[in-house]
N, C-alpha and C. Protein backbone atom coordinates (compact mmCIF):
# COMPACT_ATOMS: atom_id res chain seq x y z
N UNK A 1 71.61 -49.19 56.28
CA UNK A 1 72.26 -49.74 55.10
C UNK A 1 71.18 -50.39 54.25
N UNK A 2 71.14 -50.09 52.95
CA UNK A 2 70.11 -50.67 52.10
C UNK A 2 70.33 -52.17 51.89
N UNK A 3 69.25 -52.87 51.67
CA UNK A 3 69.32 -54.31 51.41
C UNK A 3 69.98 -54.56 50.06
N UNK A 4 70.69 -55.65 49.96
CA UNK A 4 71.32 -56.04 48.70
C UNK A 4 70.37 -56.95 47.95
N UNK A 5 70.16 -56.65 46.69
CA UNK A 5 69.30 -57.50 45.87
C UNK A 5 70.18 -58.37 45.00
N UNK A 6 69.58 -59.37 44.40
CA UNK A 6 70.34 -60.29 43.54
C UNK A 6 71.06 -59.54 42.43
N UNK A 7 70.46 -58.49 41.90
CA UNK A 7 71.09 -57.78 40.79
C UNK A 7 72.27 -56.93 41.23
N UNK A 8 72.36 -56.60 42.53
CA UNK A 8 73.47 -55.79 43.02
C UNK A 8 74.37 -56.57 43.97
N UNK A 9 74.14 -57.87 44.10
CA UNK A 9 74.96 -58.68 45.01
C UNK A 9 76.39 -58.73 44.49
N UNK A 10 77.35 -58.64 45.40
CA UNK A 10 78.75 -58.71 44.94
C UNK A 10 79.10 -60.08 44.39
N UNK A 11 80.09 -60.11 43.50
CA UNK A 11 80.57 -61.37 42.93
C UNK A 11 81.30 -62.15 44.02
N UNK A 12 80.89 -63.39 44.27
CA UNK A 12 81.49 -64.17 45.35
C UNK A 12 82.57 -65.11 44.85
N UNK A 13 82.93 -65.05 43.61
CA UNK A 13 83.91 -66.02 43.10
C UNK A 13 85.24 -65.39 42.71
N UNK A 14 85.26 -64.13 42.35
CA UNK A 14 86.45 -63.62 41.69
C UNK A 14 87.25 -62.58 42.47
N UNK A 15 86.85 -62.22 43.67
CA UNK A 15 87.57 -61.15 44.36
C UNK A 15 89.00 -61.56 44.73
N UNK A 16 89.28 -62.85 44.83
CA UNK A 16 90.64 -63.32 45.13
C UNK A 16 91.24 -64.13 43.98
N UNK A 17 90.55 -64.22 42.88
CA UNK A 17 90.99 -65.04 41.75
C UNK A 17 92.42 -64.73 41.35
N UNK A 18 93.24 -65.80 41.28
CA UNK A 18 94.63 -65.67 40.87
C UNK A 18 95.58 -65.28 41.99
N UNK A 19 95.08 -65.04 43.19
CA UNK A 19 95.93 -64.64 44.31
C UNK A 19 96.49 -65.86 45.04
N UNK A 20 97.66 -65.69 45.61
CA UNK A 20 98.29 -66.69 46.47
C UNK A 20 98.59 -65.99 47.79
N UNK A 21 98.04 -66.52 48.89
CA UNK A 21 98.18 -65.87 50.19
C UNK A 21 98.54 -66.91 51.24
N UNK A 22 99.54 -66.60 52.05
CA UNK A 22 99.93 -67.48 53.16
C UNK A 22 99.30 -66.99 54.45
N UNK A 23 98.68 -67.94 55.16
CA UNK A 23 98.05 -67.66 56.44
C UNK A 23 98.85 -68.36 57.53
N UNK A 24 99.27 -67.63 58.55
CA UNK A 24 99.92 -68.21 59.71
C UNK A 24 98.97 -68.05 60.89
N UNK A 25 98.52 -69.17 61.43
CA UNK A 25 97.53 -69.15 62.50
C UNK A 25 98.19 -69.09 63.87
N UNK A 26 97.70 -68.18 64.70
CA UNK A 26 98.16 -68.05 66.07
C UNK A 26 97.21 -68.72 67.05
N UNK A 27 96.01 -69.05 66.60
CA UNK A 27 95.01 -69.73 67.43
C UNK A 27 94.19 -70.67 66.57
N UNK A 28 93.40 -71.50 67.22
CA UNK A 28 92.53 -72.42 66.49
C UNK A 28 93.15 -73.79 66.32
N UNK A 29 92.50 -74.65 65.55
CA UNK A 29 92.94 -76.04 65.42
C UNK A 29 94.30 -76.21 64.73
N UNK A 30 94.76 -75.20 64.01
CA UNK A 30 96.06 -75.30 63.33
C UNK A 30 97.03 -74.23 63.84
N UNK A 31 96.90 -73.82 65.10
CA UNK A 31 97.76 -72.79 65.67
C UNK A 31 99.23 -73.16 65.48
N UNK A 32 100.02 -72.16 65.09
CA UNK A 32 101.44 -72.37 64.89
C UNK A 32 101.82 -72.84 63.50
N UNK A 33 100.85 -73.00 62.63
CA UNK A 33 101.11 -73.51 61.27
C UNK A 33 100.86 -72.43 60.23
N UNK A 34 101.60 -72.56 59.11
CA UNK A 34 101.43 -71.66 57.97
C UNK A 34 100.94 -72.47 56.78
N UNK A 35 99.90 -71.96 56.13
CA UNK A 35 99.31 -72.59 54.95
C UNK A 35 99.30 -71.61 53.80
N UNK A 36 99.69 -72.09 52.62
CA UNK A 36 99.63 -71.28 51.41
C UNK A 36 98.34 -71.62 50.68
N UNK A 37 97.54 -70.60 50.38
CA UNK A 37 96.26 -70.76 49.69
C UNK A 37 96.37 -70.16 48.29
N UNK A 38 95.97 -70.92 47.28
CA UNK A 38 95.93 -70.45 45.90
C UNK A 38 94.48 -70.42 45.47
N UNK A 39 93.99 -69.23 45.16
CA UNK A 39 92.59 -69.03 44.78
C UNK A 39 92.50 -69.05 43.26
N UNK A 40 91.91 -70.11 42.73
CA UNK A 40 91.90 -70.36 41.29
C UNK A 40 90.75 -69.61 40.60
N UNK A 41 90.94 -69.24 39.32
CA UNK A 41 89.89 -68.57 38.56
C UNK A 41 88.60 -69.38 38.41
N UNK A 42 88.68 -70.73 38.52
CA UNK A 42 87.49 -71.57 38.38
C UNK A 42 86.67 -71.65 39.67
N UNK A 43 87.09 -70.92 40.72
CA UNK A 43 86.35 -70.91 41.98
C UNK A 43 86.82 -71.93 42.99
N UNK A 44 87.83 -72.71 42.66
CA UNK A 44 88.38 -73.67 43.61
C UNK A 44 89.53 -73.02 44.38
N UNK A 45 89.91 -73.64 45.49
CA UNK A 45 91.03 -73.17 46.27
C UNK A 45 91.93 -74.36 46.60
N UNK A 46 93.23 -74.18 46.45
CA UNK A 46 94.20 -75.20 46.84
C UNK A 46 94.97 -74.65 48.03
N UNK A 47 95.27 -75.52 48.99
CA UNK A 47 96.08 -75.08 50.12
C UNK A 47 97.04 -76.19 50.52
N UNK A 48 98.15 -75.76 51.11
CA UNK A 48 99.14 -76.72 51.58
C UNK A 48 99.90 -76.12 52.74
N UNK A 49 100.33 -76.98 53.64
CA UNK A 49 101.15 -76.55 54.76
C UNK A 49 102.54 -76.26 54.23
N UNK A 50 103.13 -75.14 54.64
CA UNK A 50 104.44 -74.75 54.10
C UNK A 50 105.51 -74.58 55.17
N UNK A 51 105.24 -75.03 56.39
CA UNK A 51 106.25 -74.92 57.44
C UNK A 51 106.36 -76.22 58.21
N UNK A 52 107.44 -76.36 58.95
CA UNK A 52 107.62 -77.53 59.81
C UNK A 52 107.92 -78.80 59.05
N UNK A 53 107.92 -79.90 59.79
CA UNK A 53 108.24 -81.21 59.22
C UNK A 53 107.12 -81.78 58.36
N UNK A 54 105.90 -81.31 58.57
CA UNK A 54 104.74 -81.90 57.90
C UNK A 54 104.29 -81.09 56.69
N UNK A 55 105.25 -80.54 55.93
CA UNK A 55 104.85 -79.83 54.73
C UNK A 55 104.10 -80.78 53.82
N UNK A 56 103.04 -80.28 53.23
CA UNK A 56 102.17 -81.19 52.51
C UNK A 56 101.98 -80.90 51.05
N UNK A 57 101.38 -81.88 50.39
CA UNK A 57 100.94 -81.71 49.02
C UNK A 57 99.70 -80.82 49.05
N UNK A 58 99.49 -80.06 47.99
CA UNK A 58 98.29 -79.22 47.97
C UNK A 58 97.00 -80.06 48.01
N UNK A 59 96.04 -79.57 48.76
CA UNK A 59 94.69 -80.14 48.76
C UNK A 59 93.81 -79.15 48.04
N UNK A 60 92.96 -79.65 47.16
CA UNK A 60 92.10 -78.77 46.37
C UNK A 60 90.66 -78.94 46.83
N UNK A 61 90.06 -77.82 47.18
CA UNK A 61 88.65 -77.79 47.54
C UNK A 61 87.87 -77.24 46.35
N UNK A 62 86.70 -77.80 46.13
CA UNK A 62 85.94 -77.50 44.92
C UNK A 62 85.52 -76.04 44.80
N UNK A 63 85.28 -75.38 45.95
CA UNK A 63 84.72 -74.05 45.85
C UNK A 63 85.04 -73.21 47.08
N UNK A 64 85.31 -71.96 46.82
CA UNK A 64 85.42 -70.97 47.89
C UNK A 64 84.52 -69.79 47.52
N UNK A 65 84.20 -68.99 48.49
CA UNK A 65 83.48 -67.75 48.25
C UNK A 65 84.27 -66.63 48.88
N UNK A 66 84.27 -65.46 48.23
CA UNK A 66 84.95 -64.31 48.81
C UNK A 66 84.22 -63.03 48.45
N UNK A 67 84.33 -62.08 49.35
CA UNK A 67 83.76 -60.74 49.16
C UNK A 67 84.81 -59.72 49.55
N UNK A 68 84.83 -58.60 48.86
CA UNK A 68 85.59 -57.47 49.35
C UNK A 68 84.65 -56.72 50.29
N UNK A 69 84.96 -56.73 51.58
CA UNK A 69 84.11 -56.11 52.59
C UNK A 69 84.29 -54.60 52.56
N UNK A 70 85.52 -54.16 52.46
CA UNK A 70 85.87 -52.76 52.30
C UNK A 70 87.25 -52.72 51.67
N UNK A 71 87.72 -51.55 51.34
CA UNK A 71 89.02 -51.45 50.68
C UNK A 71 90.08 -52.13 51.55
N UNK A 72 90.75 -53.14 50.96
CA UNK A 72 91.81 -53.85 51.65
C UNK A 72 91.36 -54.96 52.58
N UNK A 73 90.05 -55.19 52.69
CA UNK A 73 89.54 -56.25 53.57
C UNK A 73 88.73 -57.25 52.76
N UNK A 74 89.16 -58.51 52.79
CA UNK A 74 88.50 -59.59 52.07
C UNK A 74 87.93 -60.59 53.07
N UNK A 75 86.75 -61.10 52.80
CA UNK A 75 86.14 -62.18 53.56
C UNK A 75 86.13 -63.40 52.66
N UNK A 76 86.65 -64.53 53.15
CA UNK A 76 86.72 -65.75 52.35
C UNK A 76 86.26 -66.93 53.19
N UNK A 77 85.59 -67.89 52.55
CA UNK A 77 85.12 -69.08 53.25
C UNK A 77 85.16 -70.27 52.31
N UNK A 78 85.51 -71.44 52.89
CA UNK A 78 85.43 -72.68 52.12
C UNK A 78 85.24 -73.85 53.06
N UNK A 79 84.66 -74.91 52.51
CA UNK A 79 84.43 -76.17 53.22
C UNK A 79 85.46 -77.17 52.73
N UNK A 80 86.24 -77.71 53.66
CA UNK A 80 87.26 -78.69 53.26
C UNK A 80 86.71 -80.10 53.32
N UNK A 81 87.37 -81.01 52.62
CA UNK A 81 86.96 -82.41 52.64
C UNK A 81 87.02 -83.01 54.03
N UNK A 82 87.81 -82.41 54.93
CA UNK A 82 87.91 -82.90 56.30
C UNK A 82 86.64 -82.60 57.11
N UNK A 83 85.75 -81.78 56.56
CA UNK A 83 84.52 -81.43 57.25
C UNK A 83 84.56 -80.08 57.94
N UNK A 84 85.72 -79.43 57.95
CA UNK A 84 85.83 -78.10 58.54
C UNK A 84 85.45 -77.03 57.53
N UNK A 85 84.72 -76.04 58.00
CA UNK A 85 84.50 -74.82 57.24
C UNK A 85 85.40 -73.77 57.85
N UNK A 86 86.15 -73.08 57.02
CA UNK A 86 87.03 -72.02 57.46
C UNK A 86 86.53 -70.73 56.86
N UNK A 87 86.27 -69.75 57.71
CA UNK A 87 85.82 -68.43 57.27
C UNK A 87 86.72 -67.40 57.92
N UNK A 88 87.41 -66.60 57.11
CA UNK A 88 88.32 -65.59 57.66
C UNK A 88 88.14 -64.26 56.96
N UNK A 89 88.35 -63.20 57.74
CA UNK A 89 88.43 -61.85 57.21
C UNK A 89 89.91 -61.48 57.19
N UNK A 90 90.39 -61.06 56.04
CA UNK A 90 91.79 -60.72 55.86
C UNK A 90 91.94 -59.23 55.65
N UNK A 91 92.76 -58.59 56.47
CA UNK A 91 93.08 -57.19 56.24
C UNK A 91 94.40 -57.17 55.48
N UNK A 92 94.32 -56.94 54.18
CA UNK A 92 95.49 -56.97 53.32
C UNK A 92 96.42 -55.79 53.58
N UNK A 93 95.90 -54.74 54.23
CA UNK A 93 96.72 -53.57 54.51
C UNK A 93 97.60 -53.76 55.74
N UNK A 94 97.08 -54.42 56.79
CA UNK A 94 97.90 -54.58 57.99
C UNK A 94 98.37 -56.02 58.23
N UNK A 95 97.98 -56.96 57.33
CA UNK A 95 98.49 -58.32 57.40
C UNK A 95 97.89 -59.18 58.50
N UNK A 96 96.71 -58.84 58.97
CA UNK A 96 96.06 -59.62 60.03
C UNK A 96 94.87 -60.38 59.46
N UNK A 97 94.56 -61.52 60.07
CA UNK A 97 93.35 -62.26 59.72
C UNK A 97 92.65 -62.72 60.99
N UNK A 98 91.33 -62.75 60.92
CA UNK A 98 90.48 -63.23 62.02
C UNK A 98 89.36 -64.05 61.40
N UNK A 99 88.86 -65.03 62.14
CA UNK A 99 87.76 -65.82 61.59
C UNK A 99 87.35 -66.95 62.49
N UNK A 100 86.78 -67.99 61.85
CA UNK A 100 86.22 -69.13 62.57
C UNK A 100 86.48 -70.41 61.79
N UNK A 101 86.83 -71.46 62.51
CA UNK A 101 86.92 -72.81 61.97
C UNK A 101 85.84 -73.62 62.67
N UNK A 102 85.05 -74.35 61.89
CA UNK A 102 83.96 -75.10 62.51
C UNK A 102 83.67 -76.37 61.73
N UNK A 103 83.10 -77.34 62.44
CA UNK A 103 82.56 -78.54 61.82
C UNK A 103 81.28 -78.88 62.57
N UNK A 104 80.76 -80.09 62.39
CA UNK A 104 79.48 -80.42 63.02
C UNK A 104 79.57 -80.54 64.54
N UNK A 105 80.79 -80.63 65.10
CA UNK A 105 80.95 -80.80 66.54
C UNK A 105 81.71 -79.68 67.23
N UNK A 106 82.41 -78.86 66.48
CA UNK A 106 83.33 -77.91 67.08
C UNK A 106 83.26 -76.56 66.38
N UNK A 107 83.51 -75.51 67.12
CA UNK A 107 83.57 -74.15 66.60
C UNK A 107 84.68 -73.43 67.34
N UNK A 108 85.64 -72.86 66.61
CA UNK A 108 86.76 -72.18 67.25
C UNK A 108 87.08 -70.88 66.54
N UNK A 109 87.27 -69.81 67.29
CA UNK A 109 87.77 -68.59 66.67
C UNK A 109 89.24 -68.80 66.27
N UNK A 110 89.64 -68.17 65.19
CA UNK A 110 91.03 -68.23 64.73
C UNK A 110 91.51 -66.81 64.45
N UNK A 111 92.79 -66.62 64.63
CA UNK A 111 93.40 -65.36 64.22
C UNK A 111 94.85 -65.61 63.89
N UNK A 112 95.44 -64.66 63.17
CA UNK A 112 96.82 -64.82 62.78
C UNK A 112 97.26 -63.71 61.86
N UNK A 113 98.25 -64.03 61.03
CA UNK A 113 98.80 -63.06 60.10
C UNK A 113 98.73 -63.63 58.68
N UNK A 114 98.93 -62.76 57.71
CA UNK A 114 98.92 -63.19 56.32
C UNK A 114 100.04 -62.52 55.56
N UNK A 115 100.43 -63.17 54.48
CA UNK A 115 101.42 -62.64 53.56
C UNK A 115 100.90 -62.87 52.15
N UNK A 116 100.79 -61.79 51.38
CA UNK A 116 100.38 -61.91 49.98
C UNK A 116 101.60 -62.32 49.18
N UNK A 117 101.55 -63.50 48.57
CA UNK A 117 102.65 -64.03 47.77
C UNK A 117 102.51 -63.55 46.33
N UNK A 118 101.28 -63.56 45.85
CA UNK A 118 100.99 -63.16 44.47
C UNK A 118 99.62 -62.50 44.41
């Protein structure tokens, strides 16, 4: 595979711009929970818990990065104010997600399902 140069590097800000996607985690620190993520055109991401008793107000993170890895597969990552970095690969065709949640002390694989809302 040829090396990617700066002039041919994929855009890391706009591959999910304007999309709203719900992630339901089956493993990891938030197993059993569903979060709705809104990927804003300015490069920020808002997310909120949308199930259970602890439904929350949206939290906005300053920046996310995303790449289209292949047709129907997106890789997205962001650092939350809580100190966790969440990096997931989403298969938009089969509705599955896999990835990693990590902070300075912990690293956990995560997996689950997704639903494209918008």
